[in-house]
Amino acid sequence: EFRLLTQPVFPTVAIDAITFFGLIDKEPPRFYRVRDGV
């Protein structure tokens, strides 16, 4: 439903709750600058 509503033109992948809450602080969205996985 999210993908149909927003129509992203970039790749997306699902993550579980533990991964999600480990990657945000209080609330999304959060934006990371990533190089070679770092």
Full PDB file with SEQRES, HELIX, SHEET, SSBOND, CRYST1, ORIGX, SCALE, CONECT and MASTER records, all heavy atoms in Angstrom:
SEQRES   1 A   38  GLU PHE ARG LEU LEU THR GLN PRO VAL PHE PRO THR VAL          
SEQRES   2 A   38  ALA ILE ASP ALA ILE THR PHE PHE GLY LEU ILE ASP LYS          
SEQRES   3 A   38  GLU PRO PRO ARG PHE TYR ARG VAL ARG ASP GLY VAL              
HELIX    1 AA1 PHE A    2  THR A    6  1                                   5    
HELIX    2 AA2 ALA A   17  LEU A   23  1                                   7    
CRYST1    1.000    1.000    1.000  90.00  90.00  90.00 P 1           1          
ORIGX1      1.000000  0.000000  0.000000        0.00000                         
ORIGX2      0.000000  1.000000  0.000000        0.00000                         
ORIGX3      0.000000  0.000000  1.000000        0.00000                         
SCALE1      1.000000  0.000000  0.000000        0.00000                         
SCALE2      0.000000  1.000000  0.000000        0.00000                         
SCALE3      0.000000  0.000000  1.000000        0.00000                         
ATOM      1  N   GLU A   1       0.837  -1.205   0.000  1.00  0.00           N  
ATOM      2  CA  GLU A   1       0.000   0.000   0.000  1.00  0.00           C  
ATOM      3  C   GLU A   1       0.869   1.250   0.000  1.00  0.00           C  
ATOM      4  O   GLU A   1       0.564   2.239  -0.679  1.00  0.00           O  
ATOM      5  CB  GLU A   1      -0.923  -0.009   1.218  1.00  0.00           C  
ATOM      6  CG  GLU A   1      -1.883   1.166   1.259  1.00  0.00           C  
ATOM      7  CD  GLU A   1      -2.810   1.109   2.462  1.00  0.00           C  
ATOM      8  OE1 GLU A   1      -2.861   0.064   3.123  1.00  0.00           O  
ATOM      9  OE2 GLU A   1      -3.480   2.123   2.731  1.00  0.00           O  
ATOM     10  N   PHE A   2       1.972   1.214   0.766  1.00  0.00           N  
ATOM     11  CA  PHE A   2       2.902   2.344   0.807  1.00  0.00           C  
ATOM     12  C   PHE A   2       3.495   2.588  -0.579  1.00  0.00           C  
ATOM     13  O   PHE A   2       3.576   3.735  -1.049  1.00  0.00           O  
ATOM     14  CB  PHE A   2       4.019   2.054   1.817  1.00  0.00           C  
ATOM     15  CG  PHE A   2       5.119   3.084   1.835  1.00  0.00           C  
ATOM     16  CD1 PHE A   2       5.006   4.216   2.625  1.00  0.00           C  
ATOM     17  CD2 PHE A   2       6.266   2.909   1.079  1.00  0.00           C  
ATOM     18  CE1 PHE A   2       6.018   5.175   2.647  1.00  0.00           C  
ATOM     19  CE2 PHE A   2       7.285   3.850   1.097  1.00  0.00           C  
ATOM     20  CZ  PHE A   2       7.161   4.983   1.882  1.00  0.00           C  
ATOM     21  N   ARG A   3       3.924   1.527  -1.243  1.00  0.00           N  
ATOM     22  CA  ARG A   3       4.536   1.672  -2.567  1.00  0.00           C  
ATOM     23  C   ARG A   3       3.526   2.176  -3.605  1.00  0.00           C  
ATOM     24  O   ARG A   3       3.863   2.998  -4.462  1.00  0.00           O  
ATOM     25  CB  ARG A   3       5.144   0.334  -3.006  1.00  0.00           C  
ATOM     26  CG  ARG A   3       6.335  -0.111  -2.149  1.00  0.00           C  
ATOM     27  CD  ARG A   3       7.011  -1.347  -2.729  1.00  0.00           C  
ATOM     28  NE  ARG A   3       8.177  -1.752  -1.962  1.00  0.00           N  
ATOM     29  CZ  ARG A   3       8.197  -2.777  -1.115  1.00  0.00           C  
ATOM     30  NH1 ARG A   3       7.116  -3.508  -0.931  1.00  0.00           N  
ATOM     31  NH2 ARG A   3       9.305  -3.073  -0.451  1.00  0.00           N  
ATOM     32  N   LEU A   4       2.293   1.688  -3.534  1.00  0.00           N  
ATOM     33  CA  LEU A   4       1.264   2.143  -4.467  1.00  0.00           C  
ATOM     34  C   LEU A   4       0.927   3.605  -4.240  1.00  0.00           C  
ATOM     35  O   LEU A   4       0.659   4.350  -5.186  1.00  0.00           O  
ATOM     36  CB  LEU A   4       0.007   1.277  -4.324  1.00  0.00           C  
ATOM     37  CG  LEU A   4       0.115  -0.168  -4.828  1.00  0.00           C  
ATOM     38  CD1 LEU A   4      -1.145  -0.951  -4.481  1.00  0.00           C  
ATOM     39  CD2 LEU A   4       0.345  -0.192  -6.345  1.00  0.00           C  
ATOM     40  N   LEU A   5       0.934   4.026  -2.985  1.00  0.00           N  
ATOM     41  CA  LEU A   5       0.583   5.399  -2.649  1.00  0.00           C  
ATOM     42  C   LEU A   5       1.675   6.381  -3.046  1.00  0.00           C  
ATOM     43  O   LEU A   5       1.398   7.471  -3.554  1.00  0.00           O  
ATOM     44  CB  LEU A   5       0.306   5.499  -1.146  1.00  0.00           C  
ATOM     45  CG  LEU A   5      -0.026   6.890  -0.592  1.00  0.00           C  
ATOM     46  CD1 LEU A   5      -1.360   7.369  -1.168  1.00  0.00           C  
ATOM     47  CD2 LEU A   5      -0.082   6.866   0.929  1.00  0.00           C  
ATOM     48  N   THR A   6       2.945   6.009  -2.823  1.00  0.00           N  
ATOM     49  CA  THR A   6       4.056   6.945  -3.014  1.00  0.00           C  
ATOM     50  C   THR A   6       4.772   6.785  -4.350  1.00  0.00           C  
ATOM     51  O   THR A   6       5.451   7.708  -4.804  1.00  0.00           O  
ATOM     52  CB  THR A   6       5.082   6.777  -1.884  1.00  0.00           C  
ATOM     53  OG1 THR A   6       5.595   5.424  -1.891  1.00  0.00           O  
ATOM     54  CG2 THR A   6       4.439   7.068  -0.521  1.00  0.00           C  
ATOM     55  N   GLN A   7       4.665   5.609  -4.985  1.00  0.00           N  
ATOM     56  CA  GLN A   7       5.308   5.350  -6.276  1.00  0.00           C  
ATOM     57  C   GLN A   7       6.798   5.697  -6.280  1.00  0.00           C  
ATOM     58  O   GLN A   7       7.259   6.534  -7.066  1.00  0.00           O  
ATOM     59  CB  GLN A   7       4.597   6.138  -7.378  1.00  0.00           C  
ATOM     60  CG  GLN A   7       3.150   5.744  -7.619  1.00  0.00           C  
ATOM     61  CD  GLN A   7       3.034   4.335  -8.210  1.00  0.00           C  
ATOM     62  OE1 GLN A   7       3.707   3.995  -9.167  1.00  0.00           O  
ATOM     63  NE2 GLN A   7       2.182   3.525  -7.613  1.00  0.00           N  
ATOM     64  N   PRO A   8       7.603   5.091  -5.405  1.00  0.00           N  
ATOM     65  CA  PRO A   8       9.046   5.398  -5.404  1.00  0.00           C  
ATOM     66  C   PRO A   8       9.707   4.957  -6.704  1.00  0.00           C  
ATOM     67  O   PRO A   8       9.402   3.882  -7.234  1.00  0.00           O  
ATOM     68  CB  PRO A   8       9.567   4.586  -4.214  1.00  0.00           C  
ATOM     69  CG  PRO A   8       8.575   3.497  -4.005  1.00  0.00           C  
ATOM     70  CD  PRO A   8       7.255   4.060  -4.413  1.00  0.00           C  
ATOM     71  N   VAL A   9      10.613   5.807  -7.225  1.00  0.00           N  
ATOM     72  CA  VAL A   9      11.369   5.461  -8.438  1.00  0.00           C  
ATOM     73  C   VAL A   9      12.778   5.007  -8.072  1.00  0.00           C  
ATOM     74  O   VAL A   9      13.651   4.955  -8.929  1.00  0.00           O  
ATOM     75  CB  VAL A   9      11.424   6.660  -9.405  1.00  0.00           C  
ATOM     76  CG1 VAL A   9      10.031   7.059  -9.838  1.00  0.00           C  
ATOM     77  CG2 VAL A   9      12.155   7.849  -8.775  1.00  0.00           C  
ATOM     78  N   PHE A  10      12.981   4.700  -6.806  1.00  0.00           N  
ATOM     79  CA  PHE A  10      14.247   4.185  -6.309  1.00  0.00           C  
ATOM     80  C   PHE A  10      13.981   2.840  -5.627  1.00  0.00           C  
ATOM     81  O   PHE A  10      12.845   2.558  -5.226  1.00  0.00           O  
ATOM     82  CB  PHE A  10      14.900   5.172  -5.332  1.00  0.00           C  
ATOM     83  CG  PHE A  10      13.993   5.624  -4.221  1.00  0.00           C  
ATOM     84  CD1 PHE A  10      13.908   4.923  -3.023  1.00  0.00           C  
ATOM     85  CD2 PHE A  10      13.211   6.754  -4.370  1.00  0.00           C  
ATOM     86  CE1 PHE A  10      13.078   5.330  -2.007  1.00  0.00           C  
ATOM     87  CE2 PHE A  10      12.364   7.186  -3.354  1.00  0.00           C  
ATOM     88  CZ  PHE A  10      12.294   6.473  -2.172  1.00  0.00           C  
ATOM     89  N   PRO A  11      14.997   1.999  -5.488  1.00  0.00           N  
ATOM     90  CA  PRO A  11      14.772   0.676  -4.892  1.00  0.00           C  
ATOM     91  C   PRO A  11      14.446   0.764  -3.414  1.00  0.00           C  
ATOM     92  O   PRO A  11      14.966   1.614  -2.691  1.00  0.00           O  
ATOM     93  CB  PRO A  11      16.096  -0.054  -5.134  1.00  0.00           C  
ATOM     94  CG  PRO A  11      17.098   1.026  -5.294  1.00  0.00           C  
ATOM     95  CD  PRO A  11      16.383   2.173  -5.940  1.00  0.00           C  
ATOM     96  N   THR A  12      13.567  -0.134  -2.967  1.00  0.00           N  
ATOM     97  CA  THR A  12      13.205  -0.219  -1.558  1.00  0.00           C  
ATOM     98  C   THR A  12      13.243  -1.671  -1.126  1.00  0.00           C  
ATOM     99  O   THR A  12      13.072  -2.575  -1.936  1.00  0.00           O  
ATOM    100  CB  THR A  12      11.795   0.346  -1.308  1.00  0.00           C  
ATOM    101  OG1 THR A  12      10.837  -0.419  -2.058  1.00  0.00           O  
ATOM    102  CG2 THR A  12      11.699   1.805  -1.717  1.00  0.00           C  
ATOM    103  N   VAL A  13      13.455  -1.883   0.157  1.00  0.00           N  
ATOM    104  CA  VAL A  13      13.465  -3.232   0.707  1.00  0.00           C  
ATOM    105  C   VAL A  13      12.829  -3.185   2.094  1.00  0.00           C  
ATOM    106  O   VAL A  13      12.961  -2.184   2.816  1.00  0.00           O  
ATOM    107  CB  VAL A  13      14.898  -3.808   0.777  1.00  0.00           C  
ATOM    108  CG1 VAL A  13      15.749  -3.038   1.776  1.00  0.00           C  
ATOM    109  CG2 VAL A  13      14.883  -5.302   1.121  1.00  0.00           C  
ATOM    110  N   ALA A  14      12.121  -4.237   2.460  1.00  0.00           N  
ATOM    111  CA  ALA A  14      11.467  -4.301   3.765  1.00  0.00           C  
ATOM    112  C   ALA A  14      12.479  -4.665   4.846  1.00  0.00           C  
ATOM    113  O   ALA A  14      13.398  -5.460   4.620  1.00  0.00           O  
ATOM    114  CB  ALA A  14      10.343  -5.326   3.746  1.00  0.00           C  
ATOM    115  N   ILE A  15      12.318  -4.084   6.025  1.00  0.00           N  
ATOM    116  CA  ILE A  15      13.148  -4.412   7.187  1.00  0.00           C  
ATOM    117  C   ILE A  15      12.228  -4.735   8.354  1.00  0.00           C  
ATOM    118  O   ILE A  15      11.072  -4.314   8.393  1.00  0.00           O  
ATOM    119  CB  ILE A  15      14.110  -3.264   7.562  1.00  0.00           C  
ATOM    120  CG1 ILE A  15      13.339  -1.955   7.813  1.00  0.00           C  
ATOM    121  CG2 ILE A  15      15.161  -3.065   6.482  1.00  0.00           C  
ATOM    122  CD1 ILE A  15      14.217  -0.805   8.286  1.00  0.00           C  
ATOM    123  N   ASP A  16      12.760  -5.493   9.325  1.00  0.00           N  
ATOM    124  CA  ASP A  16      11.945  -5.865  10.477  1.00  0.00           C  
ATOM    125  C   ASP A  16      11.987  -4.774  11.539  1.00  0.00           C  
ATOM    126  O   ASP A  16      12.720  -3.787  11.432  1.00  0.00           O  
ATOM    127  CB  ASP A  16      12.411  -7.202  11.056  1.00  0.00           C  
ATOM    128  CG  ASP A  16      13.864  -7.197  11.492  1.00  0.00           C  
ATOM    129  OD1 ASP A  16      14.340  -6.160  12.007  1.00  0.00           O  
ATOM    130  OD2 ASP A  16      14.547  -8.225  11.312  1.00  0.00           O  
ATOM    131  N   ALA A  17      11.170  -4.955  12.569  1.00  0.00           N  
ATOM    132  CA  ALA A  17      11.019  -3.919  13.597  1.00  0.00           C  
ATOM    133  C   ALA A  17      12.323  -3.661  14.345  1.00  0.00           C  
ATOM    134  O   ALA A  17      12.652  -2.513  14.642  1.00  0.00           O  
ATOM    135  CB  ALA A  17       9.920  -4.327  14.577  1.00  0.00           C  
ATOM    136  N   ILE A  18      13.074  -4.705  14.661  1.00  0.00           N  
ATOM    137  CA  ILE A  18      14.314  -4.532  15.413  1.00  0.00           C  
ATOM    138  C   ILE A  18      15.319  -3.718  14.616  1.00  0.00           C  
ATOM    139  O   ILE A  18      15.960  -2.795  15.133  1.00  0.00           O  
ATOM    140  CB  ILE A  18      14.895  -5.901  15.812  1.00  0.00           C  
ATOM    141  CG1 ILE A  18      13.976  -6.575  16.836  1.00  0.00           C  
ATOM    142  CG2 ILE A  18      16.305  -5.761  16.379  1.00  0.00           C  
ATOM    143  CD1 ILE A  18      14.387  -7.980  17.205  1.00  0.00           C  
ATOM    144  N   THR A  19      15.457  -4.040  13.327  1.00  0.00           N  
ATOM    145  CA  THR A  19      16.365  -3.281  12.469  1.00  0.00           C  
ATOM    146  C   THR A  19      15.905  -1.837  12.349  1.00  0.00           C  
ATOM    147  O   THR A  19      16.712  -0.898  12.441  1.00  0.00           O  
ATOM    148  CB  THR A  19      16.434  -3.926  11.073  1.00  0.00           C  
ATOM    149  OG1 THR A  19      16.871  -5.284  11.199  1.00  0.00           O  
ATOM    150  CG2 THR A  19      17.400  -3.167  10.174  1.00  0.00           C  
ATOM    151  N   PHE A  20      14.598  -1.651  12.157  1.00  0.00           N  
ATOM    152  CA  PHE A  20      14.041  -0.309  11.997  1.00  0.00           C  
ATOM    153  C   PHE A  20      14.337   0.567  13.216  1.00  0.00           C  
ATOM    154  O   PHE A  20      14.882   1.675  13.087  1.00  0.00           O  
ATOM    155  CB  PHE A  20      12.539  -0.422  11.758  1.00  0.00           C  
ATOM    156  CG  PHE A  20      11.804   0.883  11.752  1.00  0.00           C  
ATOM    157  CD1 PHE A  20      11.904   1.742  10.680  1.00  0.00           C  
ATOM    158  CD2 PHE A  20      11.004   1.242  12.830  1.00  0.00           C  
ATOM    159  CE1 PHE A  20      11.213   2.954  10.661  1.00  0.00           C  
ATOM    160  CE2 PHE A  20      10.316   2.449  12.824  1.00  0.00           C  
ATOM    161  CZ  PHE A  20      10.418   3.304  11.740  1.00  0.00           C  
ATOM    162  N   PHE A  21      13.990   0.074  14.410  1.00  0.00           N  
ATOM    163  CA  PHE A  21      14.177   0.890  15.608  1.00  0.00           C  
ATOM    164  C   PHE A  21      15.656   1.055  15.967  1.00  0.00           C  
ATOM    165  O   PHE A  21      16.021   1.997  16.667  1.00  0.00           O  
ATOM    166  CB  PHE A  21      13.402   0.286  16.779  1.00  0.00           C  
ATOM    167  CG  PHE A  21      11.923   0.499  16.662  1.00  0.00           C  
ATOM    168  CD1 PHE A  21      11.078  -0.564  16.377  1.00  0.00           C  
ATOM    169  CD2 PHE A  21      11.369   1.753  16.805  1.00  0.00           C  
ATOM    170  CE1 PHE A  21       9.707  -0.379  16.254  1.00  0.00           C  
ATOM    171  CE2 PHE A  21       9.997   1.955  16.680  1.00  0.00           C  
ATOM    172  CZ  PHE A  21       9.173   0.884  16.410  1.00  0.00           C  
ATOM    173  N   GLY A  22      16.498   0.142  15.470  1.00  0.00           N  
ATOM    174  CA  GLY A  22      17.931   0.306  15.674  1.00  0.00           C  
ATOM    175  C   GLY A  22      18.541   1.363  14.792  1.00  0.00           C  
ATOM    176  O   GLY A  22      19.645   1.852  15.068  1.00  0.00           O  
ATOM    177  N   LEU A  23      17.848   1.745  13.703  1.00  0.00           N  
ATOM    178  CA  LEU A  23      18.394   2.699  12.742  1.00  0.00           C  
ATOM    179  C   LEU A  23      17.798   4.094  12.855  1.00  0.00           C  
ATOM    180  O   LEU A  23      18.242   5.015  12.160  1.00  0.00           O  
ATOM    181  CB  LEU A  23      18.180   2.178  11.315  1.00  0.00           C  
ATOM    182  CG  LEU A  23      19.007   0.953  10.918  1.00  0.00           C  
ATOM    183  CD1 LEU A  23      18.587   0.442   9.551  1.00  0.00           C  
ATOM    184  CD2 LEU A  23      20.499   1.274  10.936  1.00  0.00           C  
ATOM    185  N   ILE A  24      16.771   4.269  13.691  1.00  0.00           N  
ATOM    186  CA  ILE A  24      16.210   5.595  13.902  1.00  0.00           C  
ATOM    187  C   ILE A  24      16.452   5.995  15.349  1.00  0.00           C  
ATOM    188  O   ILE A  24      16.878   5.194  16.169  1.00  0.00           O  
ATOM    189  CB  ILE A  24      14.709   5.645  13.558  1.00  0.00           C  
ATOM    190  CG1 ILE A  24      13.908   4.778  14.540  1.00  0.00           C  
ATOM    191  CG2 ILE A  24      14.460   5.231  12.128  1.00  0.00           C  
ATOM    192  CD1 ILE A  24      12.406   4.976  14.427  1.00  0.00           C  
ATOM    193  N   ASP A  25      16.157   7.261  15.640  1.00  0.00           N  
ATOM    194  CA  ASP A  25      16.269   7.742  17.012  1.00  0.00           C  
ATOM    195  C   ASP A  25      14.893   7.749  17.653  1.00  0.00           C  
ATOM    196  O   ASP A  25      14.548   6.862  18.423  1.00  0.00           O  
ATOM    197  CB  ASP A  25      16.896   9.130  17.036  1.00  0.00           C  
ATOM    198  CG  ASP A  25      17.075   9.674  18.441  1.00  0.00           C  
ATOM    199  OD1 ASP A  25      16.983   8.877  19.394  1.00  0.00           O  
ATOM    200  OD2 ASP A  25      17.304  10.885  18.600  1.00  0.00           O  
ATOM    201  N   LYS A  26      14.089   8.740  17.312  1.00  0.00           N  
ATOM    202  CA  LYS A  26      12.745   8.832  17.881  1.00  0.00           C  
ATOM    203  C   LYS A  26      11.677   8.535  16.850  1.00  0.00           C  
ATOM    204  O   LYS A  26      10.695   7.858  17.140  1.00  0.00           O  
ATOM    205  CB  LYS A  26      12.533  10.229  18.476  1.00  0.00           C  
ATOM    206  CG  LYS A  26      13.445  10.530  19.663  1.00  0.00           C  
ATOM    207  CD  LYS A  26      13.179  11.918  20.205  1.00  0.00           C  
ATOM    208  CE  LYS A  26      14.077  12.230  21.392  1.00  0.00           C  
ATOM    209  NZ  LYS A  26      13.850  13.600  21.917  1.00  0.00           N  
ATOM    210  N   GLU A  27      11.838   9.069  15.655  1.00  0.00           N  
ATOM    211  CA  GLU A  27      10.828   8.881  14.634  1.00  0.00           C  
ATOM    212  C   GLU A  27      11.461   9.029  13.261  1.00  0.00           C  
ATOM    213  O   GLU A  27      12.429   9.757  13.084  1.00  0.00           O  
ATOM    214  CB  GLU A  27       9.690   9.889  14.811  1.00  0.00           C  
ATOM    215  CG  GLU A  27      10.149  11.353  14.834  1.00  0.00           C  
ATOM    216  CD  GLU A  27       9.028  12.303  15.192  1.00  0.00           C  
ATOM    217  OE1 GLU A  27       7.854  11.968  14.936  1.00  0.00           O  
ATOM    218  OE2 GLU A  27       9.317  13.390  15.716  1.00  0.00           O  
ATOM    219  N   PRO A  28      10.905   8.324  12.275  1.00  0.00           N  
ATOM    220  CA  PRO A  28      11.410   8.454  10.912  1.00  0.00           C  
ATOM    221  C   PRO A  28      10.789   9.697  10.247  1.00  0.00           C  
ATOM    222  O   PRO A  28       9.848  10.274  10.798  1.00  0.00           O  
ATOM    223  CB  PRO A  28      10.928   7.158  10.254  1.00  0.00           C  
ATOM    224  CG  PRO A  28       9.645   6.857  10.969  1.00  0.00           C  
ATOM    225  CD  PRO A  28       9.826   7.337  12.378  1.00  0.00           C  
ATOM    226  N   PRO A  29      11.314  10.106   9.078  1.00  0.00           N  
ATOM    227  CA  PRO A  29      12.406   9.475   8.342  1.00  0.00           C  
ATOM    228  C   PRO A  29      13.774   9.889   8.859  1.00  0.00           C  
ATOM    229  O   PRO A  29      13.928  10.971   9.419  1.00  0.00           O  
ATOM    230  CB  PRO A  29      12.182  10.006   6.915  1.00  0.00           C  
ATOM    231  CG  PRO A  29      11.559  11.359   7.126  1.00  0.00           C  
ATOM    232  CD  PRO A  29      10.672  11.217   8.329  1.00  0.00           C  
ATOM    233  N   ARG A  30      14.735   9.010   8.654  1.00  0.00           N  
ATOM    234  CA  ARG A  30      16.149   9.325   8.924  1.00  0.00           C  
ATOM    235  C   ARG A  30      16.931   9.070   7.646  1.00  0.00           C  
ATOM    236  O   ARG A  30      16.695   8.083   6.954  1.00  0.00           O  
ATOM    237  CB  ARG A  30      16.702   8.491  10.072  1.00  0.00           C  
ATOM    238  CG  ARG A  30      18.222   8.580  10.193  1.00  0.00           C  
ATOM    239  CD  ARG A  30      18.752   7.925  11.440  1.00  0.00           C  
ATOM    240  NE  ARG A  30      18.582   8.798  12.604  1.00  0.00           N  
ATOM    241  CZ  ARG A  30      19.169   8.574  13.783  1.00  0.00           C  
ATOM    242  NH1 ARG A  30      19.931   7.508  13.957  1.00  0.00           N  
ATOM    243  NH2 ARG A  30      18.980   9.390  14.797  1.00  0.00           N  
ATOM    244  N   PHE A  31      17.884   9.952   7.350  1.00  0.00           N  
ATOM    245  CA  PHE A  31      18.657   9.882   6.118  1.00  0.00           C  
ATOM    246  C   PHE A  31      20.120   9.612   6.450  1.00  0.00           C  
ATOM    247  O   PHE A  31      20.730  10.341   7.236  1.00  0.00           O  
ATOM    248  CB  PHE A  31      18.527  11.191   5.334  1.00  0.00           C  
ATOM    249  CG  PHE A  31      17.110  11.571   5.027  1.00  0.00           C  
ATOM    250  CD1 PHE A  31      16.350  12.291   5.942  1.00  0.00           C  
ATOM    251  CD2 PHE A  31      16.523  11.192   3.833  1.00  0.00           C  
ATOM    252  CE1 PHE A  31      15.043  12.643   5.670  1.00  0.00           C  
ATOM    253  CE2 PHE A  31      15.209  11.534   3.549  1.00  0.00           C  
ATOM    254  CZ  PHE A  31      14.464  12.260   4.465  1.00  0.00           C  
ATOM    255  N   TYR A  32      20.670   8.564   5.842  1.00  0.00           N  
ATOM    256  CA  TYR A  32      22.064   8.184   6.045  1.00  0.00           C  
ATOM    257  C   TYR A  32      22.871   8.437   4.780  1.00  0.00           C  
ATOM    258  O   TYR A  32      22.399   8.168   3.664  1.00  0.00           O  
ATOM    259  CB  TYR A  32      22.179   6.694   6.386  1.00  0.00           C  
ATOM    260  CG  TYR A  32      21.830   6.328   7.798  1.00  0.00           C  
ATOM    261  CD1 TYR A  32      20.526   5.957   8.128  1.00  0.00           C  
ATOM    262  CD2 TYR A  32      22.791   6.325   8.806  1.00  0.00           C  
ATOM    263  CE1 TYR A  32      20.196   5.594   9.434  1.00  0.00           C  
ATOM    264  CE2 TYR A  32      22.465   5.972  10.100  1.00  0.00           C  
ATOM    265  CZ  TYR A  32      21.173   5.608  10.407  1.00  0.00           C  
ATOM    266  OH  TYR A  32      20.856   5.259  11.687  1.00  0.00           O  
ATOM    267  N   ARG A  33      24.086   8.894   4.974  1.00  0.00           N  
ATOM    268  CA  ARG A  33      25.067   8.933   3.895  1.00  0.00           C  
ATOM    269  C   ARG A  33      25.939   7.699   4.063  1.00  0.00           C  
ATOM    270  O   ARG A  33      26.576   7.519   5.100  1.00  0.00           O  
ATOM    271  CB  ARG A  33      25.892  10.208   3.982  1.00  0.00           C  
ATOM    272  CG  ARG A  33      26.926  10.375   2.873  1.00  0.00           C  
ATOM    273  CD  ARG A  33      27.665  11.687   3.054  1.00  0.00           C  
ATOM    274  NE  ARG A  33      28.826  11.748   2.175  1.00  0.00           N  
ATOM    275  CZ  ARG A  33      29.981  12.307   2.519  1.00  0.00           C  
ATOM    276  NH1 ARG A  33      30.140  12.837   3.725  1.00  0.00           N  
ATOM    277  NH2 ARG A  33      30.990  12.338   1.666  1.00  0.00           N  
ATOM    278  N   VAL A  34      25.940   6.845   3.048  1.00  0.00           N  
ATOM    279  CA  VAL A  34      26.584   5.534   3.168  1.00  0.00           C  
ATOM    280  C   VAL A  34      27.624   5.366   2.069  1.00  0.00           C  
ATOM    281  O   VAL A  34      27.366   5.677   0.896  1.00  0.00           O  
ATOM    282  CB  VAL A  34      25.538   4.402   3.071  1.00  0.00           C  
ATOM    283  CG1 VAL A  34      26.207   3.034   3.067  1.00  0.00           C  
ATOM    284  CG2 VAL A  34      24.539   4.508   4.223  1.00  0.00           C  
ATOM    285  N   ARG A  35      28.782   4.879   2.458  1.00  0.00           N  
ATOM    286  CA  ARG A  35      29.829   4.541   1.488  1.00  0.00           C  
ATOM    287  C   ARG A  35      30.352   3.140   1.806  1.00  0.00           C  
ATOM    288  O   ARG A  35      30.833   2.888   2.905  1.00  0.00           O  
ATOM    289  CB  ARG A  35      30.987   5.538   1.534  1.00  0.00           C  
ATOM    290  CG  ARG A  35      32.137   5.208   0.554  1.00  0.00           C  
ATOM    291  CD  ARG A  35      33.302   6.153   0.739  1.00  0.00           C  
ATOM    292  NE  ARG A  35      32.910   7.525   0.429  1.00  0.00           N  
ATOM    293  CZ  ARG A  35      33.510   8.601   0.955  1.00  0.00           C  
ATOM    294  NH1 ARG A  35      34.490   8.448   1.829  1.00  0.00           N  
ATOM    295  NH2 ARG A  35      33.100   9.816   0.618  1.00  0.00           N  
ATOM    296  N   ASP A  36      30.216   2.234   0.829  1.00  0.00           N  
ATOM    297  CA  ASP A  36      30.688   0.856   0.981  1.00  0.00           C  
ATOM    298  C   ASP A  36      30.150   0.201   2.246  1.00  0.00           C  
ATOM    299  O   ASP A  36      30.863  -0.490   2.972  1.00  0.00           O  
ATOM    300  CB  ASP A  36      32.225   0.803   0.965  1.00  0.00           C  
ATOM    301  CG  ASP A  36      32.811   1.293  -0.351  1.00  0.00           C  
ATOM    302  OD1 ASP A  36      32.112   1.200  -1.374  1.00  0.00           O  
ATOM    303  OD2 ASP A  36      33.943   1.790  -0.351  1.00  0.00           O  
ATOM    304  N   GLY A  37      28.881   0.447   2.525  1.00  0.00           N  
ATOM    305  CA  GLY A  37      28.225  -0.160   3.675  1.00  0.00           C  
ATOM    306  C   GLY A  37      28.439   0.556   4.990  1.00  0.00           C  
ATOM    307  O   GLY A  37      27.848   0.181   6.000  1.00  0.00           O  
ATOM    308  N   VAL A  38      29.287   1.587   4.984  1.00  0.00           N  
ATOM    309  CA  VAL A  38      29.635   2.298   6.219  1.00  0.00           C  
ATOM    310  C   VAL A  38      28.811   3.578   6.325  1.00  0.00           C  
ATOM    311  O   VAL A  38      28.687   4.335   5.362  1.00  0.00           O  
ATOM    312  CB  VAL A  38      31.137   2.641   6.252  1.00  0.00           C  
ATOM    313  CG1 VAL A  38      31.472   3.483   7.482  1.00  0.00           C  
ATOM    314  CG2 VAL A  38      31.969   1.373   6.242  1.00  0.00           C  
TER     315      VAL A  38                                                      
MASTER        0    0    0    2    0    0    0    6  314    1    0    3          
END                                                                             
